[in-house]
Structure formats: C-alpha cells, structure tokens
Amino acid sequence: MSTTSSAQPTATEIESALLSFLADRVKVPVTADTDLFASGAVTSLFSLELVVHVETTYGVAVQGDELRMDNFRSVQAMVGLIERLRAEPADGARS
C-alpha cells in the first residue's frame, strides 16, 4: 500500500516521471517540449502503450475527445491532459 495515495503528483513531478519513462523506452533524446511524433520518438504502436501508461500511472481515463494525438504530442501536452482529467468530476461529467 502506498503511503502517498492521498497526495497527487505535481505537474513538475509528472513531467519528470514521463521524461524518465520515455528515456527508458525511446531511442532519441526528448525534452518536455519535444514533438514526440515529428521526432520519431513515438510510433503509432508505442502511442497506444503511452495512453495505457498515462491511464494506469495517473488513474485517469483517456476517452472521447481527449484521445487525440495533440494530447500526446509532447510531455507538456500530456501533463496538461493529466491535470485536466484529474480535475474532472469522478463521474466524468463536464460542466
């Protein structure tokens, strides 16, 4: 059981963790603002793995309008997506 379950990671912590994850998985150097698709760091097949990683690691569901390339184009975009999804009500309803 995690002792940090009540504290969600900050945007900086998410960015650092995503950069570390990518450093372990891709063959090209990336920064927070690297276009992951244009750089060749992320292929279409790996993008599916990236979606699953974001969902399982951060406890969010990427569905509907949020499941688009622009939300995964860079680490910064993914951090924004994760923060938006964490801010939504638990039932997924949007105001």
PDB file of N, CA and C in Angstrom:
ATOM      1  N   MET A   1       0.839  -1.188   0.000  1.00  0.00           N
ATOM      2  CA  MET A   1       0.000   0.000   0.000  1.00  0.00           C
ATOM      3  C   MET A   1       0.879   1.244   0.000  1.00  0.00           C
ATOM      4  N   SER A   2       0.539   2.176  -0.833  1.00  0.00           N
ATOM      5  CA  SER A   2       1.339   3.390  -0.959  1.00  0.00           C
ATOM      6  C   SER A   2       0.994   4.373   0.146  1.00  0.00           C
ATOM      7  N   THR A   3       2.013   4.996   0.699  1.00  0.00           N
ATOM      8  CA  THR A   3       1.779   5.998   1.733  1.00  0.00           C
ATOM      9  C   THR A   3       1.476   7.360   1.131  1.00  0.00           C
ATOM     10  N   THR A   4       1.635   7.499  -0.190  1.00  0.00           N
ATOM     11  CA  THR A   4       1.386   8.778  -0.847  1.00  0.00           C
ATOM     12  C   THR A   4       0.089   8.762  -1.647  1.00  0.00           C
ATOM     13  N   SER A   5      -0.810   7.824  -1.364  1.00  0.00           N
ATOM     14  CA  SER A   5      -2.020   7.667  -2.164  1.00  0.00           C
ATOM     15  C   SER A   5      -2.914   8.898  -2.129  1.00  0.00           C
ATOM     16  N   SER A   6      -2.884   9.672  -1.029  1.00  0.00           N
ATOM     17  CA  SER A   6      -3.747  10.842  -0.954  1.00  0.00           C
ATOM     18  C   SER A   6      -3.125  12.064  -1.634  1.00  0.00           C
ATOM     19  N   ALA A   7      -1.834  12.060  -1.822  1.00  0.00           N
ATOM     20  CA  ALA A   7      -1.161  13.193  -2.454  1.00  0.00           C
ATOM     21  C   ALA A   7      -0.900  12.890  -3.923  1.00  0.00           C
ATOM     22  N   GLN A   8      -1.501  13.691  -4.777  1.00  0.00           N
ATOM     23  CA  GLN A   8      -1.282  13.508  -6.208  1.00  0.00           C
ATOM     24  C   GLN A   8       0.013  14.211  -6.605  1.00  0.00           C
ATOM     25  N   PRO A   9       0.718  13.637  -7.586  1.00  0.00           N
ATOM     26  CA  PRO A   9       1.961  14.274  -8.023  1.00  0.00           C
ATOM     27  C   PRO A   9       1.696  15.640  -8.653  1.00  0.00           C
ATOM     28  N   THR A  10       2.650  16.518  -8.487  1.00  0.00           N
ATOM     29  CA  THR A  10       2.555  17.857  -9.083  1.00  0.00           C
ATOM     30  C   THR A  10       2.858  17.767 -10.581  1.00  0.00           C
ATOM     31  N   ALA A  11       2.589  18.841 -11.283  1.00  0.00           N
ATOM     32  CA  ALA A  11       2.890  18.902 -12.714  1.00  0.00           C
ATOM     33  C   ALA A  11       4.377  18.663 -12.961  1.00  0.00           C
ATOM     34  N   THR A  12       5.228  19.218 -12.114  1.00  0.00           N
ATOM     35  CA  THR A  12       6.673  19.031 -12.261  1.00  0.00           C
ATOM     36  C   THR A  12       7.057  17.569 -12.060  1.00  0.00           C
ATOM     37  N   GLU A  13       6.451  16.929 -11.083  1.00  0.00           N
ATOM     38  CA  GLU A  13       6.728  15.511 -10.823  1.00  0.00           C
ATOM     39  C   GLU A  13       6.230  14.628 -11.966  1.00  0.00           C
ATOM     40  N   ILE A  14       5.064  14.957 -12.506  1.00  0.00           N
ATOM     41  CA  ILE A  14       4.529  14.203 -13.646  1.00  0.00           C
ATOM     42  C   ILE A  14       5.461  14.356 -14.842  1.00  0.00           C
ATOM     43  N   GLU A  15       5.881  15.584 -15.118  1.00  0.00           N
ATOM     44  CA  GLU A  15       6.786  15.840 -16.238  1.00  0.00           C
ATOM     45  C   GLU A  15       8.079  15.034 -16.088  1.00  0.00           C
ATOM     46  N   SER A  16       8.652  15.061 -14.915  1.00  0.00           N
ATOM     47  CA  SER A  16       9.889  14.332 -14.658  1.00  0.00           C
ATOM     48  C   SER A  16       9.692  12.825 -14.845  1.00  0.00           C
ATOM     49  N   ALA A  17       8.585  12.299 -14.339  1.00  0.00           N
ATOM     50  CA  ALA A  17       8.310  10.866 -14.462  1.00  0.00           C
ATOM     51  C   ALA A  17       8.082  10.465 -15.915  1.00  0.00           C
ATOM     52  N   LEU A  18       7.363  11.287 -16.667  1.00  0.00           N
ATOM     53  CA  LEU A  18       7.133  10.979 -18.080  1.00  0.00           C
ATOM     54  C   LEU A  18       8.437  11.040 -18.875  1.00  0.00           C
ATOM     55  N   LEU A  19       9.276  12.024 -18.587  1.00  0.00           N
ATOM     56  CA  LEU A  19      10.571  12.107 -19.273  1.00  0.00           C
ATOM     57  C   LEU A  19      11.428  10.880 -18.951  1.00  0.00           C
ATOM     58  N   SER A  20      11.380  10.430 -17.719  1.00  0.00           N
ATOM     59  CA  SER A  20      12.126   9.239 -17.322  1.00  0.00           C
ATOM     60  C   SER A  20      11.585   8.002 -18.036  1.00  0.00           C
ATOM     61  N   PHE A  21      10.266   7.873 -18.090  1.00  0.00           N
ATOM     62  CA  PHE A  21       9.631   6.752 -18.788  1.00  0.00           C
ATOM     63  C   PHE A  21      10.056   6.730 -20.254  1.00  0.00           C
ATOM     64  N   LEU A  22       9.998   7.895 -20.896  1.00  0.00           N
ATOM     65  CA  LEU A  22      10.378   7.974 -22.311  1.00  0.00           C
ATOM     66  C   LEU A  22      11.867   7.703 -22.508  1.00  0.00           C
ATOM     67  N   ALA A  23      12.700   8.186 -21.608  1.00  0.00           N
ATOM     68  CA  ALA A  23      14.144   7.954 -21.719  1.00  0.00           C
ATOM     69  C   ALA A  23      14.456   6.459 -21.690  1.00  0.00           C
ATOM     70  N   ASP A  24      13.670   5.714 -20.924  1.00  0.00           N
ATOM     71  CA  ASP A  24      13.860   4.269 -20.840  1.00  0.00           C
ATOM     72  C   ASP A  24      13.336   3.534 -22.069  1.00  0.00           C
ATOM     73  N   ARG A  25      12.433   4.156 -22.821  1.00  0.00           N
ATOM     74  CA  ARG A  25      11.725   3.447 -23.882  1.00  0.00           C
ATOM     75  C   ARG A  25      12.065   3.856 -25.306  1.00  0.00           C
ATOM     76  N   VAL A  26      12.489   5.095 -25.528  1.00  0.00           N
ATOM     77  CA  VAL A  26      12.727   5.564 -26.893  1.00  0.00           C
ATOM     78  C   VAL A  26      14.214   5.728 -27.152  1.00  0.00           C
ATOM     79  N   LYS A  27      14.551   5.781 -28.405  1.00  0.00           N
ATOM     80  CA  LYS A  27      15.963   5.805 -28.807  1.00  0.00           C
ATOM     81  C   LYS A  27      16.503   7.201 -29.090  1.00  0.00           C
ATOM     82  N   VAL A  28      15.674   8.216 -28.935  1.00  0.00           N
ATOM     83  CA  VAL A  28      16.115   9.583 -29.205  1.00  0.00           C
ATOM     84  C   VAL A  28      15.922  10.433 -27.955  1.00  0.00           C
ATOM     85  N   PRO A  29      16.783  11.439 -27.758  1.00  0.00           N
ATOM     86  CA  PRO A  29      16.620  12.303 -26.582  1.00  0.00           C
ATOM     87  C   PRO A  29      15.358  13.160 -26.719  1.00  0.00           C
ATOM     88  N   VAL A  30      14.642  13.330 -25.617  1.00  0.00           N
ATOM     89  CA  VAL A  30      13.446  14.167 -25.628  1.00  0.00           C
ATOM     90  C   VAL A  30      13.487  15.138 -24.460  1.00  0.00           C
ATOM     91  N   THR A  31      12.866  16.278 -24.677  1.00  0.00           N
ATOM     92  CA  THR A  31      12.667  17.266 -23.627  1.00  0.00           C
ATOM     93  C   THR A  31      11.171  17.427 -23.453  1.00  0.00           C
ATOM     94  N   ALA A  32      10.773  18.237 -22.501  1.00  0.00           N
ATOM     95  CA  ALA A  32       9.356  18.412 -22.210  1.00  0.00           C
ATOM     96  C   ALA A  32       8.575  18.962 -23.404  1.00  0.00           C
ATOM     97  N   ASP A  33       9.241  19.730 -24.276  1.00  0.00           N
ATOM     98  CA  ASP A  33       8.523  20.321 -25.409  1.00  0.00           C
ATOM     99  C   ASP A  33       8.847  19.671 -26.755  1.00  0.00           C
ATOM    100  N   THR A  34       9.568  18.544 -26.749  1.00  0.00           N
ATOM    101  CA  THR A  34       9.860  17.822 -27.988  1.00  0.00           C
ATOM    102  C   THR A  34       8.568  17.305 -28.609  1.00  0.00           C
ATOM    103  N   ASP A  35       8.401  17.509 -29.911  1.00  0.00           N
ATOM    104  CA  ASP A  35       7.271  16.907 -30.626  1.00  0.00           C
ATOM    105  C   ASP A  35       7.614  15.429 -30.805  1.00  0.00           C
ATOM    106  N   LEU A  36       6.990  14.597 -30.000  1.00  0.00           N
ATOM    107  CA  LEU A  36       7.334  13.177 -29.945  1.00  0.00           C
ATOM    108  C   LEU A  36       7.064  12.443 -31.248  1.00  0.00           C
ATOM    109  N   PHE A  37       6.067  12.881 -31.990  1.00  0.00           N
ATOM    110  CA  PHE A  37       5.736  12.225 -33.254  1.00  0.00           C
ATOM    111  C   PHE A  37       6.659  12.694 -34.374  1.00  0.00           C
ATOM    112  N   ALA A  38       6.888  14.004 -34.466  1.00  0.00           N
ATOM    113  CA  ALA A  38       7.752  14.543 -35.515  1.00  0.00           C
ATOM    114  C   ALA A  38       9.197  14.091 -35.337  1.00  0.00           C
ATOM    115  N   SER A  39       9.624  13.908 -34.091  1.00  0.00           N
ATOM    116  CA  SER A  39      10.998  13.496 -33.821  1.00  0.00           C
ATOM    117  C   SER A  39      11.224  12.010 -34.073  1.00  0.00           C
ATOM    118  N   GLY A  40      10.144  11.263 -34.218  1.00  0.00           N
ATOM    119  CA  GLY A  40      10.259   9.822 -34.403  1.00  0.00           C
ATOM    120  C   GLY A  40      10.386   9.065 -33.094  1.00  0.00           C
ATOM    121  N   ALA A  41      10.296   9.768 -31.977  1.00  0.00           N
ATOM    122  CA  ALA A  41      10.412   9.116 -30.672  1.00  0.00           C
ATOM    123  C   ALA A  41       9.230   8.192 -30.399  1.00  0.00           C
ATOM    124  N   VAL A  42       8.063   8.573 -30.893  1.00  0.00           N
ATOM    125  CA  VAL A  42       6.853   7.794 -30.646  1.00  0.00           C
ATOM    126  C   VAL A  42       6.248   7.359 -31.972  1.00  0.00           C
ATOM    127  N   THR A  43       6.032   6.060 -32.098  1.00  0.00           N
ATOM    128  CA  THR A  43       5.357   5.490 -33.262  1.00  0.00           C
ATOM    129  C   THR A  43       3.885   5.317 -32.925  1.00  0.00           C
ATOM    130  N   SER A  44       3.094   4.986 -33.916  1.00  0.00           N
ATOM    131  CA  SER A  44       1.665   4.785 -33.658  1.00  0.00           C
ATOM    132  C   SER A  44       1.439   3.638 -32.685  1.00  0.00           C
ATOM    133  N   LEU A  45       2.230   2.580 -32.794  1.00  0.00           N
ATOM    134  CA  LEU A  45       2.086   1.453 -31.879  1.00  0.00           C
ATOM    135  C   LEU A  45       2.475   1.850 -30.458  1.00  0.00           C
ATOM    136  N   PHE A  46       3.583   2.568 -30.311  1.00  0.00           N
ATOM    137  CA  PHE A  46       4.011   2.993 -28.983  1.00  0.00           C
ATOM    138  C   PHE A  46       3.037   4.006 -28.383  1.00  0.00           C
ATOM    139  N   SER A  47       2.353   4.772 -29.225  1.00  0.00           N
ATOM    140  CA  SER A  47       1.399   5.750 -28.700  1.00  0.00           C
ATOM    141  C   SER A  47       0.286   5.061 -27.913  1.00  0.00           C
ATOM    142  N   LEU A  48      -0.096   3.861 -28.327  1.00  0.00           N
ATOM    143  CA  LEU A  48      -1.109   3.108 -27.578  1.00  0.00           C
ATOM    144  C   LEU A  48      -0.569   2.727 -26.202  1.00  0.00           C
ATOM    145  N   GLU A  49       0.674   2.315 -26.156  1.00  0.00           N
ATOM    146  CA  GLU A  49       1.303   1.990 -24.879  1.00  0.00           C
ATOM    147  C   GLU A  49       1.398   3.229 -23.994  1.00  0.00           C
ATOM    148  N   LEU A  50       1.654   4.359 -24.605  1.00  0.00           N
ATOM    149  CA  LEU A  50       1.746   5.615 -23.869  1.00  0.00           C
ATOM    150  C   LEU A  50       0.398   5.983 -23.247  1.00  0.00           C
ATOM    151  N   VAL A  51      -0.681   5.785 -23.984  1.00  0.00           N
ATOM    152  CA  VAL A  51      -2.026   6.048 -23.448  1.00  0.00           C
ATOM    153  C   VAL A  51      -2.273   5.166 -22.225  1.00  0.00           C
ATOM    154  N   VAL A  52      -1.971   3.884 -22.350  1.00  0.00           N
ATOM    155  CA  VAL A  52      -2.172   2.950 -21.244  1.00  0.00           C
ATOM    156  C   VAL A  52      -1.304   3.345 -20.045  1.00  0.00           C
ATOM    157  N   HIS A  53      -0.064   3.743 -20.306  1.00  0.00           N
ATOM    158  CA  HIS A  53       0.828   4.172 -19.225  1.00  0.00           C
ATOM    159  C   HIS A  53       0.243   5.373 -18.482  1.00  0.00           C
ATOM    160  N   VAL A  54      -0.228   6.360 -19.218  1.00  0.00           N
ATOM    161  CA  VAL A  54      -0.814   7.552 -18.594  1.00  0.00           C
ATOM    162  C   VAL A  54      -2.035   7.166 -17.766  1.00  0.00           C
ATOM    163  N   GLU A  55      -2.892   6.328 -18.320  1.00  0.00           N
ATOM    164  CA  GLU A  55      -4.104   5.933 -17.603  1.00  0.00           C
ATOM    165  C   GLU A  55      -3.787   5.171 -16.321  1.00  0.00           C
ATOM    166  N   THR A  56      -2.922   4.189 -16.407  1.00  0.00           N
ATOM    167  CA  THR A  56      -2.644   3.358 -15.234  1.00  0.00           C
ATOM    168  C   THR A  56      -1.788   4.073 -14.202  1.00  0.00           C
ATOM    169  N   THR A  57      -0.845   4.861 -14.635  1.00  0.00           N
ATOM    170  CA  THR A  57       0.047   5.549 -13.703  1.00  0.00           C
ATOM    171  C   THR A  57      -0.656   6.681 -12.965  1.00  0.00           C
ATOM    172  N   TYR A  58      -1.528   7.394 -13.654  1.00  0.00           N
ATOM    173  CA  TYR A  58      -2.139   8.586 -13.064  1.00  0.00           C
ATOM    174  C   TYR A  58      -3.621   8.424 -12.752  1.00  0.00           C
ATOM    175  N   GLY A  59      -4.169   7.224 -12.941  1.00  0.00           N
ATOM    176  CA  GLY A  59      -5.543   6.945 -12.547  1.00  0.00           C
ATOM    177  C   GLY A  59      -6.577   7.765 -13.289  1.00  0.00           C
ATOM    178  N   VAL A  60      -6.326   7.999 -14.565  1.00  0.00           N
ATOM    179  CA  VAL A  60      -7.264   8.754 -15.391  1.00  0.00           C
ATOM    180  C   VAL A  60      -7.738   7.873 -16.541  1.00  0.00           C
ATOM    181  N   ALA A  61      -8.848   8.248 -17.151  1.00  0.00           N
ATOM    182  CA  ALA A  61      -9.351   7.551 -18.331  1.00  0.00           C
ATOM    183  C   ALA A  61      -9.315   8.515 -19.505  1.00  0.00           C
ATOM    184  N   VAL A  62      -8.554   8.157 -20.524  1.00  0.00           N
ATOM    185  CA  VAL A  62      -8.446   8.993 -21.719  1.00  0.00           C
ATOM    186  C   VAL A  62      -9.475   8.468 -22.710  1.00  0.00           C
ATOM    187  N   GLN A  63     -10.542   9.237 -22.890  1.00  0.00           N
ATOM    188  CA  GLN A  63     -11.645   8.793 -23.735  1.00  0.00           C
ATOM    189  C   GLN A  63     -12.150   9.936 -24.596  1.00  0.00           C
ATOM    190  N   GLY A  64     -12.932   9.568 -25.599  1.00  0.00           N
ATOM    191  CA  GLY A  64     -13.613  10.552 -26.433  1.00  0.00           C
ATOM    192  C   GLY A  64     -12.693  11.594 -27.021  1.00  0.00           C
ATOM    193  N   ASP A  65     -13.052  12.858 -26.822  1.00  0.00           N
ATOM    194  CA  ASP A  65     -12.307  13.978 -27.393  1.00  0.00           C
ATOM    195  C   ASP A  65     -10.869  14.060 -26.899  1.00  0.00           C
ATOM    196  N   GLU A  66     -10.596  13.507 -25.731  1.00  0.00           N
ATOM    197  CA  GLU A  66      -9.247  13.581 -25.167  1.00  0.00           C
ATOM    198  C   GLU A  66      -8.283  12.594 -25.831  1.00  0.00           C
ATOM    199  N   LEU A  67      -8.808  11.601 -26.523  1.00  0.00           N
ATOM    200  CA  LEU A  67      -7.980  10.576 -27.153  1.00  0.00           C
ATOM    201  C   LEU A  67      -7.576  11.045 -28.550  1.00  0.00           C
ATOM    202  N   ARG A  68      -6.672  12.026 -28.568  1.00  0.00           N
ATOM    203  CA  ARG A  68      -6.178  12.559 -29.846  1.00  0.00           C
ATOM    204  C   ARG A  68      -4.674  12.819 -29.756  1.00  0.00           C
ATOM    205  N   MET A  69      -4.052  12.818 -30.894  1.00  0.00           N
ATOM    206  CA  MET A  69      -2.597  12.926 -30.985  1.00  0.00           C
ATOM    207  C   MET A  69      -2.053  14.169 -30.284  1.00  0.00           C
ATOM    208  N   ASP A  70      -2.736  15.284 -30.404  1.00  0.00           N
ATOM    209  CA  ASP A  70      -2.223  16.525 -29.816  1.00  0.00           C
ATOM    210  C   ASP A  70      -2.033  16.421 -28.305  1.00  0.00           C
ATOM    211  N   ASN A  71      -2.824  15.602 -27.627  1.00  0.00           N
ATOM    212  CA  ASN A  71      -2.678  15.431 -26.184  1.00  0.00           C
ATOM    213  C   ASN A  71      -1.454  14.604 -25.804  1.00  0.00           C
ATOM    214  N   PHE A  72      -0.840  13.951 -26.797  1.00  0.00           N
ATOM    215  CA  PHE A  72       0.326  13.109 -26.557  1.00  0.00           C
ATOM    216  C   PHE A  72       1.543  13.562 -27.374  1.00  0.00           C
ATOM    217  N   ARG A  73       1.424  14.720 -28.001  1.00  0.00           N
ATOM    218  CA  ARG A  73       2.482  15.217 -28.883  1.00  0.00           C
ATOM    219  C   ARG A  73       3.760  15.555 -28.130  1.00  0.00           C
ATOM    220  N   SER A  74       3.637  15.999 -26.892  1.00  0.00           N
ATOM    221  CA  SER A  74       4.806  16.336 -26.078  1.00  0.00           C
ATOM    222  C   SER A  74       4.524  15.974 -24.630  1.00  0.00           C
ATOM    223  N   VAL A  75       5.579  15.945 -23.830  1.00  0.00           N
ATOM    224  CA  VAL A  75       5.405  15.689 -22.405  1.00  0.00           C
ATOM    225  C   VAL A  75       4.565  16.804 -21.795  1.00  0.00           C
ATOM    226  N   GLN A  76       4.789  18.040 -22.218  1.00  0.00           N
ATOM    227  CA  GLN A  76       3.992  19.160 -21.704  1.00  0.00           C
ATOM    228  C   GLN A  76       2.507  18.954 -21.997  1.00  0.00           C
ATOM    229  N   ALA A  77       2.186  18.484 -23.196  1.00  0.00           N
ATOM    230  CA  ALA A  77       0.786  18.233 -23.556  1.00  0.00           C
ATOM    231  C   ALA A  77       0.191  17.134 -22.686  1.00  0.00           C
ATOM    232  N   MET A  78       0.973  16.099 -22.419  1.00  0.00           N
ATOM    233  CA  MET A  78       0.481  15.004 -21.575  1.00  0.00           C
ATOM    234  C   MET A  78       0.253  15.460 -20.140  1.00  0.00           C
ATOM    235  N   VAL A  79       1.140  16.306 -19.629  1.00  0.00           N
ATOM    236  CA  VAL A  79       0.954  16.848 -18.278  1.00  0.00           C
ATOM    237  C   VAL A  79      -0.351  17.633 -18.223  1.00  0.00           C
ATOM    238  N   GLY A  80      -0.598  18.474 -19.227  1.00  0.00           N
ATOM    239  CA  GLY A  80      -1.848  19.232 -19.276  1.00  0.00           C
ATOM    240  C   GLY A  80      -3.061  18.326 -19.329  1.00  0.00           C
ATOM    241  N   LEU A  81      -2.979  17.277 -20.125  1.00  0.00           N
ATOM    242  CA  LEU A  81      -4.082  16.311 -20.223  1.00  0.00           C
ATOM    243  C   LEU A  81      -4.334  15.658 -18.871  1.00  0.00           C
ATOM    244  N   ILE A  82      -3.295  15.185 -18.225  1.00  0.00           N
ATOM    245  CA  ILE A  82      -3.439  14.513 -16.931  1.00  0.00           C
ATOM    246  C   ILE A  82      -4.052  15.464 -15.908  1.00  0.00           C
ATOM    247  N   GLU A  83      -3.599  16.689 -15.879  1.00  0.00           N
ATOM    248  CA  GLU A  83      -4.153  17.651 -14.928  1.00  0.00           C
ATOM    249  C   GLU A  83      -5.621  17.958 -15.213  1.00  0.00           C
ATOM    250  N   ARG A  84      -5.979  18.078 -16.495  1.00  0.00           N
ATOM    251  CA  ARG A  84      -7.399  18.302 -16.846  1.00  0.00           C
ATOM    252  C   ARG A  84      -8.250  17.123 -16.407  1.00  0.00           C
ATOM    253  N   LEU A  85      -7.788  15.925 -16.710  1.00  0.00           N
ATOM    254  CA  LEU A  85      -8.574  14.735 -16.382  1.00  0.00           C
ATOM    255  C   LEU A  85      -8.689  14.530 -14.878  1.00  0.00           C
ATOM    256  N   ARG A  86      -7.657  14.847 -14.134  1.00  0.00           N
ATOM    257  CA  ARG A  86      -7.724  14.704 -12.676  1.00  0.00           C
ATOM    258  C   ARG A  86      -8.664  15.732 -12.064  1.00  0.00           C
ATOM    259  N   ALA A  87      -8.861  16.851 -12.739  1.00  0.00           N
ATOM    260  CA  ALA A  87      -9.719  17.918 -12.212  1.00  0.00           C
ATOM    261  C   ALA A  87     -11.203  17.667 -12.496  1.00  0.00           C
ATOM    262  N   GLU A  88     -11.492  16.739 -13.415  1.00  0.00           N
ATOM    263  CA  GLU A  88     -12.888  16.454 -13.759  1.00  0.00           C
ATOM    264  C   GLU A  88     -13.584  15.702 -12.636  1.00  0.00           C
ATOM    265  N   PRO A  89     -14.893  15.870 -12.532  1.00  0.00           N
ATOM    266  CA  PRO A  89     -15.654  15.122 -11.526  1.00  0.00           C
ATOM    267  C   PRO A  89     -15.489  13.604 -11.764  1.00  0.00           C
ATOM    268  N   ALA A  90     -15.606  12.825 -10.705  1.00  0.00           N
ATOM    269  CA  ALA A  90     -15.397  11.375 -10.762  1.00  0.00           C
ATOM    270  C   ALA A  90     -16.322  10.692 -11.759  1.00  0.00           C
ATOM    271  N   ASP A  91     -17.509  11.221 -11.980  1.00  0.00           N
ATOM    272  CA  ASP A  91     -18.444  10.576 -12.904  1.00  0.00           C
ATOM    273  C   ASP A  91     -18.167  10.930 -14.357  1.00  0.00           C
ATOM    274  N   GLY A  92     -17.170  11.773 -14.588  1.00  0.00           N
ATOM    275  CA  GLY A  92     -16.761  12.134 -15.952  1.00  0.00           C
ATOM    276  C   GLY A  92     -17.607  13.228 -16.574  1.00  0.00           C
ATOM    277  N   ALA A  93     -18.591  13.715 -15.847  1.00  0.00           N
ATOM    278  CA  ALA A  93     -19.445  14.769 -16.375  1.00  0.00           C
ATOM    279  C   ALA A  93     -18.658  16.068 -16.475  1.00  0.00           C
ATOM    280  N   ARG A  94     -18.878  16.787 -17.531  1.00  0.00           N
ATOM    281  CA  ARG A  94     -18.219  18.087 -17.703  1.00  0.00           C
ATOM    282  C   ARG A  94     -19.249  19.172 -17.570  1.00  0.00           C
ATOM    283  N   SER A  95     -18.821  20.282 -17.026  1.00  0.00           N
ATOM    284  CA  SER A  95     -19.746  21.398 -16.867  1.00  0.00           C
ATOM    285  C   SER A  95     -19.771  22.266 -18.081  1.00  0.00           C
TER     286      SER A  95
END
